C-alpha atoms as a PDB file:
ATOM      1  CA  MET A   1      14.652  22.936  -8.917  1.00  0.00           C
ATOM      2  CA  ASN A   2      13.123  19.633  -9.492  1.00  0.00           C
ATOM      3  CA  ASP A   3       9.698  18.520  -8.959  1.00  0.00           C
ATOM      4  CA  ILE A   4      10.328  15.285  -6.712  1.00  0.00           C
ATOM      5  CA  ASP A   5       7.873  12.319  -6.073  1.00  0.00           C
ATOM      6  CA  LEU A   6       8.417  10.462  -3.182  1.00  0.00           C
ATOM      7  CA  TYR A   7       8.159   6.568  -2.123  1.00  0.00           C
ATOM      8  CA  LEU A   8       7.541   6.183   1.777  1.00  0.00           C
ATOM      9  CA  HIS A   9       7.033   4.304   4.491  1.00  0.00           C
ATOM     10  CA  GLY A  10       7.631   3.901   7.580  1.00  0.00           C
ATOM     11  CA  ASP A  11       8.594   6.449  10.671  1.00  0.00           C
ATOM     12  CA  LEU A  12      11.703   6.993   8.658  1.00  0.00           C
ATOM     13  CA  GLY A  13       9.660   8.089   5.833  1.00  0.00           C
ATOM     14  CA  LEU A  14       7.497  10.327   7.598  1.00  0.00           C
ATOM     15  CA  TRP A  15      10.529  11.678   9.059  1.00  0.00           C
ATOM     16  CA  ALA A  16      12.168  13.031   6.095  1.00  0.00           C
ATOM     17  CA  LEU A  17       8.457  13.961   4.669  1.00  0.00           C
ATOM     18  CA  LYS A  18       8.885  16.693   8.105  1.00  0.00           C
ATOM     19  CA  ASN A  19      13.037  17.212   6.750  1.00  0.00           C
ATOM     20  CA  THR A  20      12.157  17.608   3.477  1.00  0.00           C
ATOM     21  CA  ARG A  21      11.271  21.690   1.637  1.00  0.00           C
ATOM     22  CA  TYR A  22       7.500  20.533   0.606  1.00  0.00           C
ATOM     23  CA  SER A  23       7.450  23.133  -2.228  1.00  0.00           C
ATOM     24  CA  SER A  24       9.836  21.246  -4.034  1.00  0.00           C
ATOM     25  CA  ILE A  25       7.307  17.775  -3.596  1.00  0.00           C
ATOM     26  CA  LYS A  26       4.873  17.068  -6.199  1.00  0.00           C
ATOM     27  CA  GLN A  27       3.715  13.581  -4.754  1.00  0.00           C
ATOM     28  CA  VAL A  28       4.004  11.192  -2.233  1.00  0.00           C
ATOM     29  CA  PHE A  29       3.079   7.944  -2.630  1.00  0.00           C
ATOM     30  CA  THR A  30       2.269   5.647   1.001  1.00  0.00           C
ATOM     31  CA  THR A  31       0.417   3.077   2.496  1.00  0.00           C
ATOM     32  CA  GLU A  32       0.773   4.472   5.693  1.00  0.00           C
ATOM     33  CA  GLU A  33      -2.430   7.194   6.848  1.00  0.00           C
ATOM     34  CA  LYS A  34      -0.446   9.065   8.769  1.00  0.00           C
ATOM     35  CA  ILE A  35       2.316  10.023   5.708  1.00  0.00           C
ATOM     36  CA  ALA A  36      -0.750  10.569   3.572  1.00  0.00           C
ATOM     37  CA  ASP A  37      -2.227  12.891   6.000  1.00  0.00           C
ATOM     38  CA  CYS A  38       1.111  14.941   6.203  1.00  0.00           C
ATOM     39  CA  ALA A  39       1.650  15.317   2.689  1.00  0.00           C
ATOM     40  CA  ARG A  40      -2.456  16.753   3.185  1.00  0.00           C
ATOM     41  CA  GLU A  41      -1.773  19.448   5.218  1.00  0.00           C
ATOM     42  CA  ASN A  42       1.050  20.544   2.752  1.00  0.00           C
ATOM     43  CA  ASN A  43      -1.196  20.615  -0.060  1.00  0.00           C
ATOM     44  CA  ILE A  44       1.046  17.510  -1.781  1.00  0.00           C
ATOM     45  CA  ALA A  45      -1.167  15.340  -3.730  1.00  0.00           C
ATOM     46  CA  VAL A  46      -1.246  11.678  -2.051  1.00  0.00           C
ATOM     47  CA  PHE A  47      -1.501   7.779  -3.774  1.00  0.00           C
ATOM     48  CA  LEU A  48      -2.418   5.055  -1.171  1.00  0.00           C
ATOM     49  CA  GLU A  49      -2.510   2.546  -3.766  1.00  0.00           C
ATOM     50  CA  ASN A  50       0.854   0.865  -4.911  1.00  0.00           C
ATOM     51  CA  ALA A  51       2.466   2.613  -7.135  1.00  0.00           C
ATOM     52  CA  ASN A  52       2.766   0.400  -9.341  1.00  0.00           C
ATOM     53  CA  GLU A  53      -0.906   0.726 -10.693  1.00  0.00           C
ATOM     54  CA  ALA A  54      -1.836   3.914  -9.713  1.00  0.00           C
ATOM     55  CA  ARG A  55      -2.528   6.192 -13.273  1.00  0.00           C
ATOM     56  CA  PHE A  56       0.008   9.798 -12.725  1.00  0.00           C
ATOM     57  CA  GLU A  57       2.495  11.901 -14.659  1.00  0.00           C
ATOM     58  CA  PRO A  58       5.505  11.110 -12.691  1.00  0.00           C
ATOM     59  CA  SER A  59       7.791  14.286 -11.846  1.00  0.00           C
ATOM     60  CA  HIS A  60      11.675  14.520 -12.602  1.00  0.00           C
ATOM     61  CA  VAL A  61      13.387  12.634 -10.104  1.00  0.00           C
ATOM     62  CA  GLY A  62      12.216  10.257  -7.587  1.00  0.00           C
ATOM     63  CA  VAL A  63      13.405   9.221  -4.074  1.00  0.00           C
ATOM     64  CA  SER A  64      12.408   6.094  -2.746  1.00  0.00           C
ATOM     65  CA  ILE A  65      12.386   5.671   1.574  1.00  0.00           C
ATOM     66  CA  HIS A  66      11.579   1.805   2.652  1.00  0.00           C
ATOM     67  CA  TYR A  67       8.255   1.854   0.234  1.00  0.00           C
ATOM     68  CA  PRO A  68       7.340  -1.552   0.611  1.00  0.00           C
ATOM     69  CA  HIS A  69       6.249  -2.156  -2.940  1.00  0.00           C
ATOM     70  CA  ILE A  70       8.984  -3.225  -5.658  1.00  0.00           C
ATOM     71  CA  LEU A  71       8.823  -0.368  -8.192  1.00  0.00           C
ATOM     72  CA  LYS A  72       8.233  -1.981 -11.790  1.00  0.00           C
ATOM     73  CA  LYS A  73      10.193  -1.617 -15.226  1.00  0.00           C
ATOM     74  CA  ASP A  74       7.513   0.656 -16.767  1.00  0.00           C
ATOM     75  CA  LEU A  75       7.559   2.815 -13.491  1.00  0.00           C
ATOM     76  CA  ILE A  76      11.033   3.362 -13.157  1.00  0.00           C
ATOM     77  CA  SER A  77      11.513   4.326 -16.523  1.00  0.00           C
ATOM     78  CA  GLY A  78       9.279   7.541 -16.262  1.00  0.00           C
ATOM     79  CA  TYR A  79      11.794   9.163 -13.908  1.00  0.00           C
ATOM     80  CA  ARG A  80      14.654  10.812 -15.224  1.00  0.00           C
ATOM     81  CA  LYS A  81      16.673   9.242 -11.929  1.00  0.00           C
ATOM     82  CA  ILE A  82      14.714   7.611  -8.922  1.00  0.00           C
ATOM     83  CA  TYR A  83      16.528   6.648  -6.011  1.00  0.00           C
ATOM     84  CA  ASN A  84      16.687   4.825  -2.871  1.00  0.00           C
ATOM     85  CA  LEU A  85      17.889   5.268   0.565  1.00  0.00           C
ATOM     86  CA  HIS A  86      18.380   1.140   1.650  1.00  0.00           C
ATOM     87  CA  PRO A  87      19.343   0.130   5.293  1.00  0.00           C
ATOM     88  CA  GLY A  88      22.096  -2.309   4.041  1.00  0.00           C
ATOM     89  CA  PHE A  89      25.726  -1.638   2.821  1.00  0.00           C
ATOM     90  CA  LEU A  90      25.246  -3.032  -0.746  1.00  0.00           C
ATOM     91  CA  PRO A  91      25.688  -5.045  -2.205  1.00  0.00           C
ATOM     92  CA  TRP A  92      25.568  -6.515   0.991  1.00  0.00           C
ATOM     93  CA  GLY A  93      22.250  -6.842   2.485  1.00  0.00           C
ATOM     94  CA  ARG A  94      20.166  -6.837  -0.885  1.00  0.00           C
ATOM     95  CA  GLY A  95      16.532  -7.115  -0.507  1.00  0.00           C
ATOM     96  CA  TYR A  96      15.233  -7.830   3.324  1.00  0.00           C
ATOM     97  CA  TYR A  97      15.577  -7.350   6.657  1.00  0.00           C
ATOM     98  CA  PRO A  98      19.378  -6.421   5.390  1.00  0.00           C
ATOM     99  CA  ILE A  99      20.173  -5.574   9.162  1.00  0.00           C
ATOM    100  CA  PHE A 100      19.290  -8.593  10.395  1.00  0.00           C
ATOM    101  CA  TRP A 101      21.284 -10.486   8.028  1.00  0.00           C
ATOM    102  CA  ALA A 102      23.624  -9.004   8.610  1.00  0.00           C
ATOM    103  CA  LEU A 103      24.606  -8.945  11.930  1.00  0.00           C
ATOM    104  CA  TRP A 104      23.321 -12.764  11.732  1.00  0.00           C
ATOM    105  CA  GLU A 105      25.522 -13.618   8.984  1.00  0.00           C
ATOM    106  CA  GLN A 106      28.697 -10.961   9.649  1.00  0.00           C
ATOM    107  CA  THR A 107      28.454  -9.532   6.872  1.00  0.00           C
ATOM    108  CA  PRO A 108      29.461  -4.960   6.714  1.00  0.00           C
ATOM    109  CA  ALA A 109      26.239  -3.615   7.524  1.00  0.00           C
ATOM    110  CA  GLY A 110      25.883   0.432   6.842  1.00  0.00           C
ATOM    111  CA  ALA A 111      23.318   2.447   4.915  1.00  0.00           C
ATOM    112  CA  THR A 112      23.255   3.667   0.995  1.00  0.00           C
ATOM    113  CA  LEU A 113      21.764   5.603  -1.121  1.00  0.00           C
ATOM    114  CA  HIS A 114      21.978   4.539  -4.697  1.00  0.00           C
ATOM    115  CA  GLU A 115      19.746   4.362  -7.851  1.00  0.00           C
ATOM    116  CA  ILE A 116      17.077   2.236  -8.857  1.00  0.00           C
ATOM    117  CA  THR A 117      16.498  -0.437 -11.721  1.00  0.00           C
ATOM    118  CA  GLU A 118      14.625  -3.334 -12.945  1.00  0.00           C
ATOM    119  CA  LYS A 119      16.713  -5.385 -10.006  1.00  0.00           C
ATOM    120  CA  ILE A 120      16.610  -5.363  -7.085  1.00  0.00           C
ATOM    121  CA  ASP A 121      18.659  -3.034  -4.781  1.00  0.00           C
ATOM    122  CA  ALA A 122      21.560  -3.601  -7.875  1.00  0.00           C
ATOM    123  CA  GLY A 123      21.919   0.118  -8.723  1.00  0.00           C
ATOM    124  CA  PRO A 124      24.337   1.920  -9.410  1.00  0.00           C
ATOM    125  CA  ILE A 125      25.992   3.690  -5.694  1.00  0.00           C
ATOM    126  CA  VAL A 126      25.572   7.215  -4.878  1.00  0.00           C
ATOM    127  CA  ALA A 127      26.600   6.824  -1.266  1.00  0.00           C
ATOM    128  CA  GLN A 128      26.906   4.860   1.536  1.00  0.00           C
ATOM    129  CA  MET A 129      27.587   4.666   5.141  1.00  0.00           C
ATOM    130  CA  GLN A 130      29.160   1.314   7.390  1.00  0.00           C
ATOM    131  CA  VAL A 131      27.683   1.105  10.376  1.00  0.00           C
ATOM    132  CA  GLU A 132      30.145  -1.490  13.192  1.00  0.00           C
ATOM    133  CA  TYR A 133      28.373  -3.926  14.975  1.00  0.00           C
ATOM    134  CA  PHE A 134      29.171  -5.187  18.291  1.00  0.00           C
ATOM    135  CA  PRO A 135      29.029  -8.844  20.117  1.00  0.00           C
ATOM    136  CA  HIS A 136      26.386  -6.614  22.902  1.00  0.00           C
ATOM    137  CA  ASP A 137      24.208  -5.578  19.302  1.00  0.00           C
ATOM    138  CA  THR A 138      20.238  -6.576  18.634  1.00  0.00           C
ATOM    139  CA  GLY A 139      18.651  -6.228  15.953  1.00  0.00           C
ATOM    140  CA  GLY A 140      16.827  -3.500  17.347  1.00  0.00           C
ATOM    141  CA  SER A 141      20.319  -1.947  18.546  1.00  0.00           C
ATOM    142  CA  LEU A 142      21.819  -1.649  15.745  1.00  0.00           C
ATOM    143  CA  PHE A 143      18.864  -0.689  13.771  1.00  0.00           C
ATOM    144  CA  GLU A 144      18.810   2.430  15.556  1.00  0.00           C
ATOM    145  CA  ARG A 145      22.482   3.090  14.293  1.00  0.00           C
ATOM    146  CA  ILE A 146      21.781   2.349  10.954  1.00  0.00           C
ATOM    147  CA  ARG A 147      18.847   4.765  11.090  1.00  0.00           C
ATOM    148  CA  GLU A 148      21.244   7.384  11.985  1.00  0.00           C
ATOM    149  CA  ALA A 149      23.170   6.505   8.946  1.00  0.00           C
ATOM    150  CA  GLU A 150      20.161   6.663   6.555  1.00  0.00           C
ATOM    151  CA  LYS A 151      19.209  10.477   7.751  1.00  0.00           C
ATOM    152  CA  LYS A 152      22.881  11.854   7.569  1.00  0.00           C
ATOM    153  CA  LEU A 153      22.895  10.328   3.945  1.00  0.00           C
ATOM    154  CA  PHE A 154      19.201  11.994   3.223  1.00  0.00           C
ATOM    155  CA  LEU A 155      20.530  15.598   4.695  1.00  0.00           C
ATOM    156  CA  GLU A 156      23.640  15.117   2.502  1.00  0.00           C
ATOM    157  CA  TYR A 157      21.883  14.242  -0.365  1.00  0.00           C
ATOM    158  CA  TRP A 158      18.624  15.405  -0.437  1.00  0.00           C
ATOM    159  CA  PRO A 159      19.509  19.429  -1.040  1.00  0.00           C
ATOM    160  CA  LYS A 160      21.613  18.154  -4.376  1.00  0.00           C
ATOM    161  CA  ILE A 161      18.125  16.000  -5.383  1.00  0.00           C
ATOM    162  CA  ILE A 162      15.905  18.794  -5.291  1.00  0.00           C
ATOM    163  CA  ASN A 163      18.267  21.644  -6.496  1.00  0.00           C
ATOM    164  CA  GLY A 164      19.243  19.473  -9.642  1.00  0.00           C
ATOM    165  CA  GLU A 165      22.787  18.635  -9.266  1.00  0.00           C
ATOM    166  CA  ASN A 166      25.023  16.268 -11.068  1.00  0.00           C
ATOM    167  CA  ILE A 167      24.834  13.313  -8.768  1.00  0.00           C
ATOM    168  CA  THR A 168      27.265  10.762  -9.610  1.00  0.00           C
ATOM    169  CA  ALA A 169      26.737   6.569  -8.849  1.00  0.00           C
ATOM    170  CA  THR A 170      29.170   4.005  -9.363  1.00  0.00           C
ATOM    171  CA  PRO A 171      28.320   0.612 -10.384  1.00  0.00           C
ATOM    172  CA  GLN A 172      27.947  -2.034  -7.760  1.00  0.00           C
ATOM    173  CA  SER A 173      30.754  -4.224  -6.738  1.00  0.00           C
ATOM    174  CA  LYS A 174      30.088  -8.164  -7.635  1.00  0.00           C
ATOM    175  CA  GLY A 175      28.955 -10.749  -4.747  1.00  0.00           C
ATOM    176  CA  GLY A 176      27.258  -9.597  -1.671  1.00  0.00           C
ATOM    177  CA  SER A 177      24.374 -11.405  -0.768  1.00  0.00           C
ATOM    178  CA  TYR A 178      20.543 -11.150  -1.331  1.00  0.00           C
ATOM    179  CA  HIS A 179      17.543 -13.044   0.937  1.00  0.00           C
ATOM    180  CA  SER A 180      13.650 -12.620   0.209  1.00  0.00           C
ATOM    181  CA  LYS A 181      11.332 -12.485   2.931  1.00  0.00           C
ATOM    182  CA  GLU A 182      11.023 -16.185   2.693  1.00  0.00           C
ATOM    183  CA  ASP A 183      14.564 -16.836   3.853  1.00  0.00           C
ATOM    184  CA  PHE A 184      13.957 -14.397   6.943  1.00  0.00           C
ATOM    185  CA  PHE A 185      10.781 -16.132   7.780  1.00  0.00           C
ATOM    186  CA  GLU A 186      12.264 -19.570   7.547  1.00  0.00           C
ATOM    187  CA  ILE A 187      15.016 -19.648  10.090  1.00  0.00           C
ATOM    188  CA  LYS A 188      12.780 -17.311  12.238  1.00  0.00           C
ATOM    189  CA  GLN A 189       9.962 -19.603  12.589  1.00  0.00           C
ATOM    190  CA  HIS A 190      12.152 -23.077  11.675  1.00  0.00           C
ATOM    191  CA  ALA A 191      15.399 -22.737  13.173  1.00  0.00           C
ATOM    192  CA  ASN A 192      17.710 -25.961  13.314  1.00  0.00           C
ATOM    193  CA  PHE A 193      18.074 -25.481  16.738  1.00  0.00           C
ATOM    194  CA  GLU A 194      20.020 -29.082  16.936  1.00  0.00           C
ATOM    195  CA  ARG A 195      22.806 -27.582  14.694  1.00  0.00           C
ATOM    196  CA  LEU A 196      23.632 -24.923  16.217  1.00  0.00           C
ATOM    197  CA  SER A 197      26.235 -24.332  19.476  1.00  0.00           C
ATOM    198  CA  GLY A 198      25.256 -22.261  22.022  1.00  0.00           C
ATOM    199  CA  LEU A 199      26.807 -19.379  21.064  1.00  0.00           C
ATOM    200  CA  ASP A 200      25.653 -19.578  18.039  1.00  0.00           C
ATOM    201  CA  LEU A 201      22.105 -19.511  19.537  1.00  0.00           C
ATOM    202  CA  LEU A 202      22.707 -16.662  21.467  1.00  0.00           C
ATOM    203  CA  ARG A 203      23.534 -14.604  18.446  1.00  0.00           C
ATOM    204  CA  LEU A 204      20.517 -16.070  16.350  1.00  0.00           C
ATOM    205  CA  ILE A 205      18.553 -14.477  19.332  1.00  0.00           C
ATOM    206  CA  ARG A 206      20.039 -11.439  19.912  1.00  0.00           C
ATOM    207  CA  CYS A 207      19.192 -10.594  15.402  1.00  0.00           C
ATOM    208  CA  PHE A 208      15.908 -11.849  16.323  1.00  0.00           C
ATOM    209  CA  THR A 209      15.376  -9.089  19.453  1.00  0.00           C
ATOM    210  CA  PHE A 210      14.002  -6.273  18.010  1.00  0.00           C
ATOM    211  CA  PRO A 211      11.251  -4.177  19.684  1.00  0.00           C
ATOM    212  CA  GLY A 212       7.842  -4.354  18.287  1.00  0.00           C
ATOM    213  CA  TYR A 213       8.445  -7.021  16.385  1.00  0.00           C
ATOM    214  CA  THR A 214       8.088 -11.262  18.126  1.00  0.00           C
ATOM    215  CA  GLY A 215      11.632 -12.875  18.868  1.00  0.00           C
ATOM    216  CA  LEU A 216      13.128 -16.145  17.472  1.00  0.00           C
ATOM    217  CA  GLU A 217      10.815 -18.415  17.319  1.00  0.00           C
ATOM    218  CA  ALA A 218      10.403 -22.070  18.860  1.00  0.00           C
ATOM    219  CA  SER A 219       7.987 -25.655  18.889  1.00  0.00           C
ATOM    220  CA  PHE A 220       8.018 -26.844  22.972  1.00  0.00           C
ATOM    221  CA  GLY A 221       5.320 -29.534  22.789  1.00  0.00           C
ATOM    222  CA  ASN A 222       2.125 -28.049  21.746  1.00  0.00           C
ATOM    223  CA  PHE A 223       3.231 -24.484  22.260  1.00  0.00           C
ATOM    224  CA  ARG A 224       4.909 -21.518  20.423  1.00  0.00           C
ATOM    225  CA  TYR A 225       7.461 -19.715  22.304  1.00  0.00           C
ATOM    226  CA  GLU A 226       9.661 -16.469  21.754  1.00  0.00           C
ATOM    227  CA  MET A 227      13.632 -15.907  22.354  1.00  0.00           C
ATOM    228  CA  ARG A 228      14.361 -12.570  23.010  1.00  0.00           C
ATOM    229  CA  LEU A 229      16.898 -10.527  25.062  1.00  0.00           C
ATOM    230  CA  GLU A 230      16.023  -8.128  27.423  1.00  0.00           C
ATOM    231  CA  GLN A 231      18.965  -6.233  29.250  1.00  0.00           C
ATOM    232  CA  LEU A 232      18.908  -6.169  32.740  1.00  0.00           C
ATOM    233  CA  PRO A 233      18.402  -2.525  34.560  1.00  0.00           C
ATOM    234  CA  ASP A 234      21.234  -0.863  36.741  1.00  0.00           C
ATOM    235  CA  THR A 235      20.486  -2.455  40.067  1.00  0.00           C
ATOM    236  CA  LEU A 236      22.502  -1.483  42.837  1.00  0.00           C
ATOM    237  CA  ASP A 237      22.964  -5.179  42.654  1.00  0.00           C
ATOM    238  CA  ASN A 238      24.292  -5.727  38.820  1.00  0.00           C
ATOM    239  CA  ILE A 239      26.257  -1.919  39.511  1.00  0.00           C
ATOM    240  CA  LEU A 240      27.845  -3.979  42.412  1.00  0.00           C
ATOM    241  CA  ARG A 241      28.553  -6.885  40.789  1.00  0.00           C
ATOM    242  CA  LYS A 242      30.174  -4.407  37.847  1.00  0.00           C
ATOM    243  CA  ASN A 243      32.319  -2.965  39.954  1.00  0.00           C
ATOM    244  CA  SER A 244      33.627  -6.173  41.940  1.00  0.00           C
ATOM    245  CA  TYR A 245      36.168  -7.010  38.702  1.00  0.00           C
END
């Protein structure tokens, strides 16, 4: 059985921690107190600092789930294997906010478990699941389905990782896409509305409609606004209108 180091962030990171065999986890690296508290409650060592700057002895294997820091070469090389669970269908969606870019650029969406290498999201692929998207999808609705795909991959491969099974991985195909944080915020805050058709503008608004976050931003005069879509409730009037066609 392998000793595992977990690199965790967000609600998926907390979910993963709660769905593991605690005895197999040696260390948890996180930036969030709620994840740290859960680890401490189960007698797991916790590092709240950036893992690249921490002093520790790596375990045999590492698993990263939405960890916010890019792991450096020296840290990666300390592991026999280190994996990442990524909310994109690699090689599409490398980098930041892959769900947004899949919906906006209309490229493949999904979840991928891959080995971590020095180059961001470029390591060999262990397994992945493609997730279909639809004309009515928002960034939030597609996120929910990709989140379920990530959970399925984790639950399928976690037992193999902790049992030390030989897990094969395939090099990524050429092409795909990569976007930085700056790419995301440039279009979010400075979209060129004059060049967008009405349909493209609606699609961009859909892409930025994500619970808990601001929508597409725009300036009108001296004021800043956000644009997002909200689904109408099924009022009696809406039900009658649907049934009239």
